[in-house]
Amino acid sequence: MKEVTKETHVAWYENMLFWRKFEDKLAAVYIQQKVRGFLHLYNGQEAVLAGSLHAMDLSKDRMITAYRNHVQPIGMGVDPKKVMAELYGKATGTSQGLGGSMHIFSKEHRFHGGHGIVGGQIPLGAGMAFGDKYHGSGAVTLCYMGDGAVRQGSLHETLNLAMLWKLPVVFIVENNGYAMGTSVERTANHTDIWKLGLGYEMPCGPIDGMDPVKVAEGISEAINRARKGDGPTFLEAKTYRYRGHSMSDAQHYRTKDEVNEYRKIDPITQVREHILKNEFATEDELASIDADVKKRVQECADFAESSPYPETSLMYDAVYEQKDYPFIAHKL
């Protein structure tokens, strides 16, 4: 694994704080109806992404995930202003405003979505890994899913083929405790999701999804295995989300006391305390980072606010390849 230095910790703090505040802003403008549709926030799970990025080779490795997908592309190098604009439905967004919250995508930065169908990204992740193995690119695909998605049959079909073909893919379950509002205990006879890999003799295990160091260690080992040609790994990152499944979630299935207990191990707070304890940065230096993060988030919101909506004709251009397609127009 790449060395985890004081610079790493400071960068983790800045990045995770930016991701958190970016999504806090999204929550605020959602209430103002500037962002529409569904909105699934990542608050609390930032250590999984931070540790993963440290383990990856961002010049060639790929990432694919579900619909809780706003900050991952930012981590992969996508301009956060474009991500914010996409959520606003603006023409300057990553998909010119046509994808929205659940479908952020960037071919350039090897971030392949953003998928609204539960578990739909799992076979796609294996397919991309198959392509990289076929072409000998040396790239590894990180394929993320929630604890609810592991109940999909496509997961088991994918794990079987991934092992059979020794594909360079790492499957990561972000187990935040609840599939929408249903706890893991109510969806299966077992609660250790990582053990699903045992049925396919796939290397598997749990990792602490609230600690970016532990995440980086676990995923680095898995990536190295895949890069050597030894095939996939199935990891369960045990984490927690502080907000509801989506903005419409009233969260009746858990108590405030439970949420507050998990806030005691907030990954951002843990990294901040580690920085101060080891004198990697001072309180004033961290305060400067806080102020810069706040400024950058506001710049993203201002960019989205001032951007134009896409032209109506774009919807046809994005759907139909044939330029003279005989559109059927209905007049109201």
C-alpha atoms as a PDB file:
ATOM      1  CA  MET A   1       0.000   0.000   0.000  1.00  0.00           C
ATOM      2  CA  LYS A   2       1.088   3.554  -0.665  1.00  0.00           C
ATOM      3  CA  GLU A   3       2.409   5.249   2.467  1.00  0.00           C
ATOM      4  CA  VAL A   4      -0.121   7.123   4.582  1.00  0.00           C
ATOM      5  CA  THR A   5       1.656  10.364   5.487  1.00  0.00           C
ATOM      6  CA  LYS A   6       0.679  13.504   7.340  1.00  0.00           C
ATOM      7  CA  GLU A   7      -0.078  15.032   3.940  1.00  0.00           C
ATOM      8  CA  THR A   8      -2.430  12.120   3.293  1.00  0.00           C
ATOM      9  CA  HIS A   9      -4.357  12.794   6.486  1.00  0.00           C
ATOM     10  CA  VAL A  10      -4.642  16.519   5.804  1.00  0.00           C
ATOM     11  CA  ALA A  11      -5.818  15.804   2.249  1.00  0.00           C
ATOM     12  CA  TRP A  12      -8.341  13.292   3.581  1.00  0.00           C
ATOM     13  CA  TYR A  13      -9.681  15.864   6.012  1.00  0.00           C
ATOM     14  CA  GLU A  14     -10.038  18.518   3.323  1.00  0.00           C
ATOM     15  CA  ASN A  15     -11.604  16.162   0.772  1.00  0.00           C
ATOM     16  CA  MET A  16     -14.037  14.476   3.157  1.00  0.00           C
ATOM     17  CA  LEU A  17     -15.093  17.837   4.588  1.00  0.00           C
ATOM     18  CA  PHE A  18     -15.663  19.188   1.081  1.00  0.00           C
ATOM     19  CA  TRP A  19     -17.754  16.163   0.146  1.00  0.00           C
ATOM     20  CA  ARG A  20     -19.814  16.531   3.338  1.00  0.00           C
ATOM     21  CA  LYS A  21     -20.424  20.259   2.872  1.00  0.00           C
ATOM     22  CA  PHE A  22     -21.101  19.801  -0.850  1.00  0.00           C
ATOM     23  CA  GLU A  23     -23.938  17.435  -0.003  1.00  0.00           C
ATOM     24  CA  ASP A  24     -25.173  19.596   2.862  1.00  0.00           C
ATOM     25  CA  LYS A  25     -25.580  22.351   0.272  1.00  0.00           C
ATOM     26  CA  LEU A  26     -27.465  19.942  -1.983  1.00  0.00           C
ATOM     27  CA  ALA A  27     -29.824  19.138   0.891  1.00  0.00           C
ATOM     28  CA  ALA A  28     -30.459  22.844   1.431  1.00  0.00           C
ATOM     29  CA  VAL A  29     -31.206  23.646  -2.221  1.00  0.00           C
ATOM     30  CA  TYR A  30     -33.318  20.481  -2.531  1.00  0.00           C
ATOM     31  CA  ILE A  31     -35.670  21.896   0.088  1.00  0.00           C
ATOM     32  CA  GLN A  32     -35.806  25.042  -2.049  1.00  0.00           C
ATOM     33  CA  GLN A  33     -36.777  22.795  -5.017  1.00  0.00           C
ATOM     34  CA  LYS A  34     -33.708  23.832  -7.014  1.00  0.00           C
ATOM     35  CA  VAL A  35     -32.773  20.149  -7.191  1.00  0.00           C
ATOM     36  CA  ARG A  36     -35.651  17.814  -8.057  1.00  0.00           C
ATOM     37  CA  GLY A  37     -36.395  14.104  -8.009  1.00  0.00           C
ATOM     38  CA  PHE A  38     -34.595  11.727  -5.658  1.00  0.00           C
ATOM     39  CA  LEU A  39     -31.523  12.775  -3.696  1.00  0.00           C
ATOM     40  CA  HIS A  40     -29.424  10.189  -1.835  1.00  0.00           C
ATOM     41  CA  LEU A  41     -26.658  11.683   0.316  1.00  0.00           C
ATOM     42  CA  TYR A  42     -23.338  10.129   1.358  1.00  0.00           C
ATOM     43  CA  ASN A  43     -22.922  11.812   4.762  1.00  0.00           C
ATOM     44  CA  GLY A  44     -21.041   9.464   7.101  1.00  0.00           C
ATOM     45  CA  GLN A  45     -19.641   7.145   4.430  1.00  0.00           C
ATOM     46  CA  GLU A  46     -16.814   9.419   3.229  1.00  0.00           C
ATOM     47  CA  ALA A  47     -14.009   7.248   4.649  1.00  0.00           C
ATOM     48  CA  VAL A  48     -14.883   4.478   2.183  1.00  0.00           C
ATOM     49  CA  LEU A  49     -14.240   6.778  -0.763  1.00  0.00           C
ATOM     50  CA  ALA A  50     -11.180   8.461   0.781  1.00  0.00           C
ATOM     51  CA  GLY A  51      -9.469   5.147   1.526  1.00  0.00           C
ATOM     52  CA  SER A  52     -10.406   3.712  -1.859  1.00  0.00           C
ATOM     53  CA  LEU A  53      -8.918   6.620  -3.787  1.00  0.00           C
ATOM     54  CA  HIS A  54      -5.660   6.268  -1.854  1.00  0.00           C
ATOM     55  CA  ALA A  55      -5.438   2.632  -2.935  1.00  0.00           C
ATOM     56  CA  MET A  56      -6.290   3.217  -6.600  1.00  0.00           C
ATOM     57  CA  ASP A  57      -4.173   4.126  -9.595  1.00  0.00           C
ATOM     58  CA  LEU A  58      -6.278   7.038 -10.844  1.00  0.00           C
ATOM     59  CA  SER A  59      -4.491   7.014 -14.195  1.00  0.00           C
ATOM     60  CA  LYS A  60      -6.239   3.794 -15.232  1.00  0.00           C
ATOM     61  CA  ASP A  61      -8.466   2.206 -12.550  1.00  0.00           C
ATOM     62  CA  ARG A  62     -12.244   2.485 -12.817  1.00  0.00           C
ATOM     63  CA  MET A  63     -15.123   3.065 -10.418  1.00  0.00           C
ATOM     64  CA  ILE A  64     -18.816   2.232 -10.676  1.00  0.00           C
ATOM     65  CA  THR A  65     -21.481   2.556  -7.997  1.00  0.00           C
ATOM     66  CA  ALA A  66     -25.196   2.901  -7.287  1.00  0.00           C
ATOM     67  CA  TYR A  67     -27.301   6.074  -6.987  1.00  0.00           C
ATOM     68  CA  ARG A  68     -25.546   7.556  -3.910  1.00  0.00           C
ATOM     69  CA  ASN A  69     -22.992   8.894  -6.359  1.00  0.00           C
ATOM     70  CA  HIS A  70     -22.357  12.638  -6.155  1.00  0.00           C
ATOM     71  CA  VAL A  71     -18.972  12.825  -4.434  1.00  0.00           C
ATOM     72  CA  GLN A  72     -17.290   9.775  -5.994  1.00  0.00           C
ATOM     73  CA  PRO A  73     -16.791  11.468  -9.379  1.00  0.00           C
ATOM     74  CA  ILE A  74     -15.365  14.512  -7.594  1.00  0.00           C
ATOM     75  CA  GLY A  75     -12.829  12.215  -5.948  1.00  0.00           C
ATOM     76  CA  MET A  76     -12.007  10.732  -9.348  1.00  0.00           C
ATOM     77  CA  GLY A  77     -11.243  14.193 -10.742  1.00  0.00           C
ATOM     78  CA  VAL A  78     -14.519  15.519 -12.125  1.00  0.00           C
ATOM     79  CA  ASP A  79     -15.060  19.276 -11.660  1.00  0.00           C
ATOM     80  CA  PRO A  80     -17.469  19.605  -8.688  1.00  0.00           C
ATOM     81  CA  LYS A  81     -19.097  22.600 -10.356  1.00  0.00           C
ATOM     82  CA  LYS A  82     -20.218  20.324 -13.187  1.00  0.00           C
ATOM     83  CA  VAL A  83     -21.548  17.780 -10.700  1.00  0.00           C
ATOM     84  CA  MET A  84     -23.551  20.470  -8.908  1.00  0.00           C
ATOM     85  CA  ALA A  85     -24.853  21.784 -12.228  1.00  0.00           C
ATOM     86  CA  GLU A  86     -25.965  18.290 -13.245  1.00  0.00           C
ATOM     87  CA  LEU A  87     -28.034  18.012 -10.092  1.00  0.00           C
ATOM     88  CA  TYR A  88     -29.614  21.373 -10.922  1.00  0.00           C
ATOM     89  CA  GLY A  89     -30.470  20.008 -14.378  1.00  0.00           C
ATOM     90  CA  LYS A  90     -28.303  22.612 -16.098  1.00  0.00           C
ATOM     91  CA  ALA A  91     -26.602  22.443 -19.496  1.00  0.00           C
ATOM     92  CA  THR A  92     -23.154  22.797 -17.886  1.00  0.00           C
ATOM     93  CA  GLY A  93     -23.611  19.542 -15.963  1.00  0.00           C
ATOM     94  CA  THR A  94     -21.729  16.294 -16.486  1.00  0.00           C
ATOM     95  CA  SER A  95     -24.505  15.019 -18.773  1.00  0.00           C
ATOM     96  CA  GLN A  96     -25.804  18.443 -19.836  1.00  0.00           C
ATOM     97  CA  GLY A  97     -28.476  18.253 -17.169  1.00  0.00           C
ATOM     98  CA  LEU A  98     -30.147  15.127 -18.561  1.00  0.00           C
ATOM     99  CA  GLY A  99     -28.785  12.587 -16.060  1.00  0.00           C
ATOM    100  CA  GLY A 100     -29.550  14.179 -12.735  1.00  0.00           C
ATOM    101  CA  SER A 101     -28.782  12.979  -9.231  1.00  0.00           C
ATOM    102  CA  MET A 102     -28.623   9.229  -9.817  1.00  0.00           C
ATOM    103  CA  HIS A 103     -26.694   9.206 -13.088  1.00  0.00           C
ATOM    104  CA  ILE A 104     -23.440  11.125 -12.729  1.00  0.00           C
ATOM    105  CA  PHE A 105     -20.942   9.844 -15.296  1.00  0.00           C
ATOM    106  CA  SER A 106     -17.507  10.687 -16.663  1.00  0.00           C
ATOM    107  CA  LYS A 107     -15.796   8.581 -19.310  1.00  0.00           C
ATOM    108  CA  GLU A 108     -12.734  10.856 -19.125  1.00  0.00           C
ATOM    109  CA  HIS A 109     -12.209  10.187 -15.421  1.00  0.00           C
ATOM    110  CA  ARG A 110     -13.273   6.513 -15.576  1.00  0.00           C
ATOM    111  CA  PHE A 111     -16.297   7.020 -13.359  1.00  0.00           C
ATOM    112  CA  HIS A 112     -19.052   4.898 -14.873  1.00  0.00           C
ATOM    113  CA  GLY A 113     -22.109   5.891 -12.826  1.00  0.00           C
ATOM    114  CA  GLY A 114     -24.461   6.352 -10.986  1.00  0.00           C
ATOM    115  CA  HIS A 115     -27.196   3.665 -11.541  1.00  0.00           C
ATOM    116  CA  GLY A 116     -30.803   3.923 -10.403  1.00  0.00           C
ATOM    117  CA  ILE A 117     -31.618   0.212 -10.684  1.00  0.00           C
ATOM    118  CA  VAL A 118     -30.722  -1.548  -7.432  1.00  0.00           C
ATOM    119  CA  GLY A 119     -27.763  -3.821  -8.153  1.00  0.00           C
ATOM    120  CA  GLY A 120     -27.760  -2.864 -11.835  1.00  0.00           C
ATOM    121  CA  GLN A 121     -24.134  -1.728 -11.661  1.00  0.00           C
ATOM    122  CA  ILE A 122     -22.801  -5.072 -10.360  1.00  0.00           C
ATOM    123  CA  PRO A 123     -22.686  -7.059 -13.637  1.00  0.00           C
ATOM    124  CA  LEU A 124     -21.555  -3.899 -15.442  1.00  0.00           C
ATOM    125  CA  GLY A 125     -18.564  -3.629 -13.101  1.00  0.00           C
ATOM    126  CA  ALA A 126     -17.568  -7.181 -13.930  1.00  0.00           C
ATOM    127  CA  GLY A 127     -18.076  -6.469 -17.623  1.00  0.00           C
ATOM    128  CA  MET A 128     -15.697  -3.516 -17.537  1.00  0.00           C
ATOM    129  CA  ALA A 129     -13.148  -5.649 -15.715  1.00  0.00           C
ATOM    130  CA  PHE A 130     -13.550  -8.313 -18.407  1.00  0.00           C
ATOM    131  CA  GLY A 131     -12.803  -5.688 -21.054  1.00  0.00           C
ATOM    132  CA  ASP A 132      -9.669  -4.539 -19.235  1.00  0.00           C
ATOM    133  CA  LYS A 133      -8.448  -8.112 -18.856  1.00  0.00           C
ATOM    134  CA  TYR A 134      -9.141  -8.830 -22.523  1.00  0.00           C
ATOM    135  CA  HIS A 135      -7.198  -5.762 -23.646  1.00  0.00           C
ATOM    136  CA  GLY A 136      -4.451  -6.190 -21.040  1.00  0.00           C
ATOM    137  CA  SER A 137      -4.807  -2.632 -19.736  1.00  0.00           C
ATOM    138  CA  GLY A 138      -3.694  -3.506 -16.204  1.00  0.00           C
ATOM    139  CA  ALA A 139      -6.656  -1.578 -14.789  1.00  0.00           C
ATOM    140  CA  VAL A 140      -8.805  -2.683 -11.856  1.00  0.00           C
ATOM    141  CA  THR A 141     -12.492  -1.859 -11.438  1.00  0.00           C
ATOM    142  CA  LEU A 142     -13.935  -0.975  -8.020  1.00  0.00           C
ATOM    143  CA  CYS A 143     -17.620  -1.876  -7.971  1.00  0.00           C
ATOM    144  CA  TYR A 144     -19.677  -0.543  -5.048  1.00  0.00           C
ATOM    145  CA  MET A 145     -23.133  -1.556  -3.873  1.00  0.00           C
ATOM    146  CA  GLY A 146     -25.356  -1.120  -0.840  1.00  0.00           C
ATOM    147  CA  ASP A 147     -26.320  -3.813   1.645  1.00  0.00           C
ATOM    148  CA  GLY A 148     -29.754  -4.060   0.026  1.00  0.00           C
ATOM    149  CA  ALA A 149     -28.311  -4.759  -3.429  1.00  0.00           C
ATOM    150  CA  VAL A 150     -26.633  -7.979  -2.292  1.00  0.00           C
ATOM    151  CA  ARG A 151     -30.079  -9.614  -2.230  1.00  0.00           C
ATOM    152  CA  GLN A 152     -30.265  -9.299  -6.033  1.00  0.00           C
ATOM    153  CA  GLY A 153     -29.737 -12.469  -8.037  1.00  0.00           C
ATOM    154  CA  SER A 154     -27.438 -10.651 -10.464  1.00  0.00           C
ATOM    155  CA  LEU A 155     -24.826 -10.351  -7.683  1.00  0.00           C
ATOM    156  CA  HIS A 156     -24.484 -14.121  -7.435  1.00  0.00           C
ATOM    157  CA  GLU A 157     -24.321 -14.604 -11.194  1.00  0.00           C
ATOM    158  CA  THR A 158     -21.620 -11.929 -11.313  1.00  0.00           C
ATOM    159  CA  LEU A 159     -19.549 -13.367  -8.461  1.00  0.00           C
ATOM    160  CA  ASN A 160     -19.605 -16.769 -10.131  1.00  0.00           C
ATOM    161  CA  LEU A 161     -18.327 -15.477 -13.482  1.00  0.00           C
ATOM    162  CA  ALA A 162     -15.831 -13.085 -11.872  1.00  0.00           C
ATOM    163  CA  MET A 163     -14.176 -15.990 -10.096  1.00  0.00           C
ATOM    164  CA  LEU A 164     -14.435 -18.318 -13.078  1.00  0.00           C
ATOM    165  CA  TRP A 165     -12.678 -15.791 -15.320  1.00  0.00           C
ATOM    166  CA  LYS A 166     -10.444 -14.296 -12.579  1.00  0.00           C
ATOM    167  CA  LEU A 167     -11.571 -10.769 -13.413  1.00  0.00           C
ATOM    168  CA  PRO A 168      -9.669  -7.722 -12.073  1.00  0.00           C
ATOM    169  CA  VAL A 169     -12.554  -6.345 -10.016  1.00  0.00           C
ATOM    170  CA  VAL A 170     -13.080  -5.490  -6.341  1.00  0.00           C
ATOM    171  CA  PHE A 171     -16.662  -5.722  -5.091  1.00  0.00           C
ATOM    172  CA  ILE A 172     -17.302  -3.426  -2.122  1.00  0.00           C
ATOM    173  CA  VAL A 173     -20.525  -3.532  -0.114  1.00  0.00           C
ATOM    174  CA  GLU A 174     -21.092  -0.220   1.660  1.00  0.00           C
ATOM    175  CA  ASN A 175     -23.093  -1.654   4.535  1.00  0.00           C
ATOM    176  CA  ASN A 176     -24.664   1.362   6.212  1.00  0.00           C
ATOM    177  CA  GLY A 177     -27.051  -0.810   8.174  1.00  0.00           C
ATOM    178  CA  TYR A 178     -30.252  -0.212   6.251  1.00  0.00           C
ATOM    179  CA  ALA A 179     -31.541  -1.082   2.791  1.00  0.00           C
ATOM    180  CA  MET A 180     -33.766   1.980   2.473  1.00  0.00           C
ATOM    181  CA  GLY A 181     -35.456   1.464   5.842  1.00  0.00           C
ATOM    182  CA  THR A 182     -34.957  -2.271   6.324  1.00  0.00           C
ATOM    183  CA  SER A 183     -32.155  -3.395   8.616  1.00  0.00           C
ATOM    184  CA  VAL A 184     -29.705  -6.075   7.536  1.00  0.00           C
ATOM    185  CA  GLU A 185     -31.032  -8.363  10.277  1.00  0.00           C
ATOM    186  CA  ARG A 186     -34.442  -8.425   8.579  1.00  0.00           C
ATOM    187  CA  THR A 187     -33.202  -9.275   5.073  1.00  0.00           C
ATOM    188  CA  ALA A 188     -31.210 -12.460   5.651  1.00  0.00           C
ATOM    189  CA  ASN A 189     -30.387 -15.197   8.136  1.00  0.00           C
ATOM    190  CA  HIS A 190     -26.838 -13.854   8.459  1.00  0.00           C
ATOM    191  CA  THR A 191     -25.512 -10.358   9.143  1.00  0.00           C
ATOM    192  CA  ASP A 192     -21.913 -10.803   7.958  1.00  0.00           C
ATOM    193  CA  ILE A 193     -22.453  -9.901   4.318  1.00  0.00           C
ATOM    194  CA  TRP A 194     -18.806 -10.514   3.377  1.00  0.00           C
ATOM    195  CA  LYS A 195     -19.339 -14.245   3.912  1.00  0.00           C
ATOM    196  CA  LEU A 196     -21.288 -14.373   0.653  1.00  0.00           C
ATOM    197  CA  GLY A 197     -17.900 -14.533  -1.053  1.00  0.00           C
ATOM    198  CA  LEU A 198     -17.145 -17.843   0.635  1.00  0.00           C
ATOM    199  CA  GLY A 199     -19.700 -19.630  -1.526  1.00  0.00           C
ATOM    200  CA  TYR A 200     -17.586 -18.831  -4.574  1.00  0.00           C
ATOM    201  CA  GLU A 201     -14.227 -19.394  -2.863  1.00  0.00           C
ATOM    202  CA  MET A 202     -13.597 -15.699  -3.440  1.00  0.00           C
ATOM    203  CA  PRO A 203     -11.221 -13.820  -1.105  1.00  0.00           C
ATOM    204  CA  CYS A 204     -13.498 -11.817   1.170  1.00  0.00           C
ATOM    205  CA  GLY A 205     -13.690 -10.049   4.489  1.00  0.00           C
ATOM    206  CA  PRO A 206     -14.927  -7.042   6.480  1.00  0.00           C
ATOM    207  CA  ILE A 207     -13.233  -3.646   6.729  1.00  0.00           C
ATOM    208  CA  ASP A 208     -13.879  -0.663   9.000  1.00  0.00           C
ATOM    209  CA  GLY A 209     -15.706   1.735   6.707  1.00  0.00           C
ATOM    210  CA  MET A 210     -15.408   4.616   9.178  1.00  0.00           C
ATOM    211  CA  ASP A 211     -11.584   4.671   9.049  1.00  0.00           C
ATOM    212  CA  PRO A 212      -9.904   5.647   5.750  1.00  0.00           C
ATOM    213  CA  VAL A 213      -6.652   3.947   6.803  1.00  0.00           C
ATOM    214  CA  LYS A 214      -8.389   0.598   7.287  1.00  0.00           C
ATOM    215  CA  VAL A 215     -10.263   1.039   4.013  1.00  0.00           C
ATOM    216  CA  ALA A 216      -7.034   1.842   2.157  1.00  0.00           C
ATOM    217  CA  GLU A 217      -5.343  -1.224   3.618  1.00  0.00           C
ATOM    218  CA  GLY A 218      -8.138  -3.611   2.677  1.00  0.00           C
ATOM    219  CA  ILE A 219      -8.692  -2.257  -0.811  1.00  0.00           C
ATOM    220  CA  SER A 220      -4.959  -1.995  -1.568  1.00  0.00           C
ATOM    221  CA  GLU A 221      -4.588  -5.696  -0.864  1.00  0.00           C
ATOM    222  CA  ALA A 222      -7.569  -6.484  -3.089  1.00  0.00           C
ATOM    223  CA  ILE A 223      -6.335  -4.259  -5.922  1.00  0.00           C
ATOM    224  CA  ASN A 224      -2.876  -5.814  -5.800  1.00  0.00           C
ATOM    225  CA  ARG A 225      -4.433  -9.279  -6.015  1.00  0.00           C
ATOM    226  CA  ALA A 226      -6.518  -8.268  -9.017  1.00  0.00           C
ATOM    227  CA  ARG A 227      -3.626  -6.520 -10.742  1.00  0.00           C
ATOM    228  CA  LYS A 228      -1.488  -9.677 -10.473  1.00  0.00           C
ATOM    229  CA  GLY A 229      -4.177 -11.675 -12.238  1.00  0.00           C
ATOM    230  CA  ASP A 230      -5.420 -13.535  -9.161  1.00  0.00           C
ATOM    231  CA  GLY A 231      -9.006 -12.401  -9.599  1.00  0.00           C
ATOM    232  CA  PRO A 232     -11.685 -10.572  -7.598  1.00  0.00           C
ATOM    233  CA  THR A 233     -12.270  -9.798  -3.927  1.00  0.00           C
ATOM    234  CA  PHE A 234     -15.538  -9.265  -2.045  1.00  0.00           C
ATOM    235  CA  LEU A 235     -15.304  -6.721   0.793  1.00  0.00           C
ATOM    236  CA  GLU A 236     -17.881  -5.460   3.285  1.00  0.00           C
ATOM    237  CA  ALA A 237     -17.180  -1.899   4.421  1.00  0.00           C
ATOM    238  CA  LYS A 238     -19.136  -1.428   7.626  1.00  0.00           C
ATOM    239  CA  THR A 239     -20.189   2.204   7.651  1.00  0.00           C
ATOM    240  CA  TYR A 240     -23.170   4.428   8.526  1.00  0.00           C
ATOM    241  CA  ARG A 241     -25.211   7.166   6.902  1.00  0.00           C
ATOM    242  CA  TYR A 242     -26.247  10.107   9.046  1.00  0.00           C
ATOM    243  CA  ARG A 243     -29.063  11.221   6.773  1.00  0.00           C
ATOM    244  CA  GLY A 244     -32.012   9.208   5.546  1.00  0.00           C
ATOM    245  CA  HIS A 245     -31.976   6.864   2.584  1.00  0.00           C
ATOM    246  CA  SER A 246     -33.131   9.813   0.498  1.00  0.00           C
ATOM    247  CA  MET A 247     -34.435  13.283   1.274  1.00  0.00           C
ATOM    248  CA  SER A 248     -37.981  11.924   1.539  1.00  0.00           C
ATOM    249  CA  ASP A 249     -37.013   9.404   4.238  1.00  0.00           C
ATOM    250  CA  ALA A 250     -38.609  10.144   7.639  1.00  0.00           C
ATOM    251  CA  GLN A 251     -36.230   7.620   9.292  1.00  0.00           C
ATOM    252  CA  HIS A 252     -38.832   6.047  11.576  1.00  0.00           C
ATOM    253  CA  TYR A 253     -36.828   2.806  11.591  1.00  0.00           C
ATOM    254  CA  ARG A 254     -34.024   4.163  13.813  1.00  0.00           C
ATOM    255  CA  THR A 255     -33.627   6.396  16.838  1.00  0.00           C
ATOM    256  CA  LYS A 256     -31.783   9.682  17.232  1.00  0.00           C
ATOM    257  CA  ASP A 257     -29.721   8.015  19.951  1.00  0.00           C
ATOM    258  CA  GLU A 258     -28.458   5.466  17.438  1.00  0.00           C
ATOM    259  CA  VAL A 259     -27.432   8.174  14.983  1.00  0.00           C
ATOM    260  CA  ASN A 260     -25.699  10.148  17.737  1.00  0.00           C
ATOM    261  CA  GLU A 261     -23.731   7.070  18.806  1.00  0.00           C
ATOM    262  CA  TYR A 262     -22.371   6.694  15.281  1.00  0.00           C
ATOM    263  CA  ARG A 263     -21.560  10.399  15.153  1.00  0.00           C
ATOM    264  CA  LYS A 264     -18.983   9.696  17.847  1.00  0.00           C
ATOM    265  CA  ILE A 265     -16.961   7.819  15.207  1.00  0.00           C
ATOM    266  CA  ASP A 266     -17.590  10.277  12.370  1.00  0.00           C
ATOM    267  CA  PRO A 267     -14.718   9.701   9.903  1.00  0.00           C
ATOM    268  CA  ILE A 268     -14.109  13.430   9.471  1.00  0.00           C
ATOM    269  CA  THR A 269     -13.913  13.999  13.214  1.00  0.00           C
ATOM    270  CA  GLN A 270     -11.612  10.994  13.641  1.00  0.00           C
ATOM    271  CA  VAL A 271      -9.185  12.238  11.000  1.00  0.00           C
ATOM    272  CA  ARG A 272      -9.276  15.760  12.410  1.00  0.00           C
ATOM    273  CA  GLU A 273      -8.434  14.512  15.898  1.00  0.00           C
ATOM    274  CA  HIS A 274      -5.612  12.359  14.516  1.00  0.00           C
ATOM    275  CA  ILE A 275      -4.153  15.382  12.719  1.00  0.00           C
ATOM    276  CA  LEU A 276      -4.193  17.530  15.842  1.00  0.00           C
ATOM    277  CA  LYS A 277      -2.920  14.767  18.131  1.00  0.00           C
ATOM    278  CA  ASN A 278       0.081  14.104  15.868  1.00  0.00           C
ATOM    279  CA  GLU A 279       0.629  17.800  15.103  1.00  0.00           C
ATOM    280  CA  PHE A 280       0.178  17.325  11.363  1.00  0.00           C
ATOM    281  CA  ALA A 281      -1.572  20.727  11.317  1.00  0.00           C
ATOM    282  CA  THR A 282      -2.677  23.389  13.772  1.00  0.00           C
ATOM    283  CA  GLU A 283      -6.191  24.486  14.705  1.00  0.00           C
ATOM    284  CA  ASP A 284      -5.646  27.659  12.673  1.00  0.00           C
ATOM    285  CA  GLU A 285      -4.541  25.688   9.623  1.00  0.00           C
ATOM    286  CA  LEU A 286      -7.597  23.459   9.838  1.00  0.00           C
ATOM    287  CA  ALA A 287      -9.805  26.531  10.266  1.00  0.00           C
ATOM    288  CA  SER A 288      -8.292  27.888   7.049  1.00  0.00           C
ATOM    289  CA  ILE A 289      -9.192  24.617   5.291  1.00  0.00           C
ATOM    290  CA  ASP A 290     -12.736  24.879   6.677  1.00  0.00           C
ATOM    291  CA  ALA A 291     -13.111  28.395   5.296  1.00  0.00           C
ATOM    292  CA  ASP A 292     -11.734  27.389   1.890  1.00  0.00           C
ATOM    293  CA  VAL A 293     -14.112  24.422   1.702  1.00  0.00           C
ATOM    294  CA  LYS A 294     -17.078  26.671   2.473  1.00  0.00           C
ATOM    295  CA  LYS A 295     -15.970  29.078  -0.270  1.00  0.00           C
ATOM    296  CA  ARG A 296     -15.508  26.319  -2.854  1.00  0.00           C
ATOM    297  CA  VAL A 297     -18.929  24.816  -2.138  1.00  0.00           C
ATOM    298  CA  GLN A 298     -20.567  28.214  -2.579  1.00  0.00           C
ATOM    299  CA  GLU A 299     -18.719  28.656  -5.879  1.00  0.00           C
ATOM    300  CA  CYS A 300     -20.229  25.364  -7.063  1.00  0.00           C
ATOM    301  CA  ALA A 301     -23.716  26.520  -6.095  1.00  0.00           C
ATOM    302  CA  ASP A 302     -23.218  29.912  -7.767  1.00  0.00           C
ATOM    303  CA  PHE A 303     -22.015  28.178 -10.955  1.00  0.00           C
ATOM    304  CA  ALA A 304     -25.075  25.929 -11.014  1.00  0.00           C
ATOM    305  CA  GLU A 305     -27.441  28.810 -10.272  1.00  0.00           C
ATOM    306  CA  SER A 306     -26.063  30.975 -13.079  1.00  0.00           C
ATOM    307  CA  SER A 307     -25.867  28.192 -15.684  1.00  0.00           C
ATOM    308  CA  PRO A 308     -28.584  27.906 -18.353  1.00  0.00           C
ATOM    309  CA  TYR A 309     -30.987  25.021 -18.721  1.00  0.00           C
ATOM    310  CA  PRO A 310     -30.390  22.801 -21.776  1.00  0.00           C
ATOM    311  CA  GLU A 311     -32.296  23.489 -24.966  1.00  0.00           C
ATOM    312  CA  THR A 312     -35.359  21.289 -25.435  1.00  0.00           C
ATOM    313  CA  SER A 313     -33.935  19.961 -28.696  1.00  0.00           C
ATOM    314  CA  LEU A 314     -31.069  18.361 -26.766  1.00  0.00           C
ATOM    315  CA  MET A 315     -33.445  15.729 -25.396  1.00  0.00           C
ATOM    316  CA  TYR A 316     -34.062  14.491 -28.940  1.00  0.00           C
ATOM    317  CA  ASP A 317     -30.403  14.718 -29.943  1.00  0.00           C
ATOM    318  CA  ALA A 318     -29.369  12.656 -26.914  1.00  0.00           C
ATOM    319  CA  VAL A 319     -31.952   9.933 -27.581  1.00  0.00           C
ATOM    320  CA  TYR A 320     -32.043   9.603 -31.375  1.00  0.00           C
ATOM    321  CA  GLU A 321     -28.944   8.983 -33.494  1.00  0.00           C
ATOM    322  CA  GLN A 322     -30.841   9.383 -36.756  1.00  0.00           C
ATOM    323  CA  LYS A 323     -30.929  13.145 -37.404  1.00  0.00           C
ATOM    324  CA  ASP A 324     -34.091  13.091 -39.554  1.00  0.00           C
ATOM    325  CA  TYR A 325     -36.031  10.863 -37.173  1.00  0.00           C
ATOM    326  CA  PRO A 326     -39.763  11.442 -37.808  1.00  0.00           C
ATOM    327  CA  PHE A 327     -40.666  12.926 -34.441  1.00  0.00           C
ATOM    328  CA  ILE A 328     -44.287  12.766 -33.431  1.00  0.00           C
ATOM    329  CA  ALA A 329     -45.326  16.156 -32.080  1.00  0.00           C
ATOM    330  CA  HIS A 330     -48.421  16.644 -29.975  1.00  0.00           C
ATOM    331  CA  LYS A 331     -49.871  20.094 -29.624  1.00  0.00           C
ATOM    332  CA  LEU A 332     -51.550  20.936 -26.360  1.00  0.00           C
END
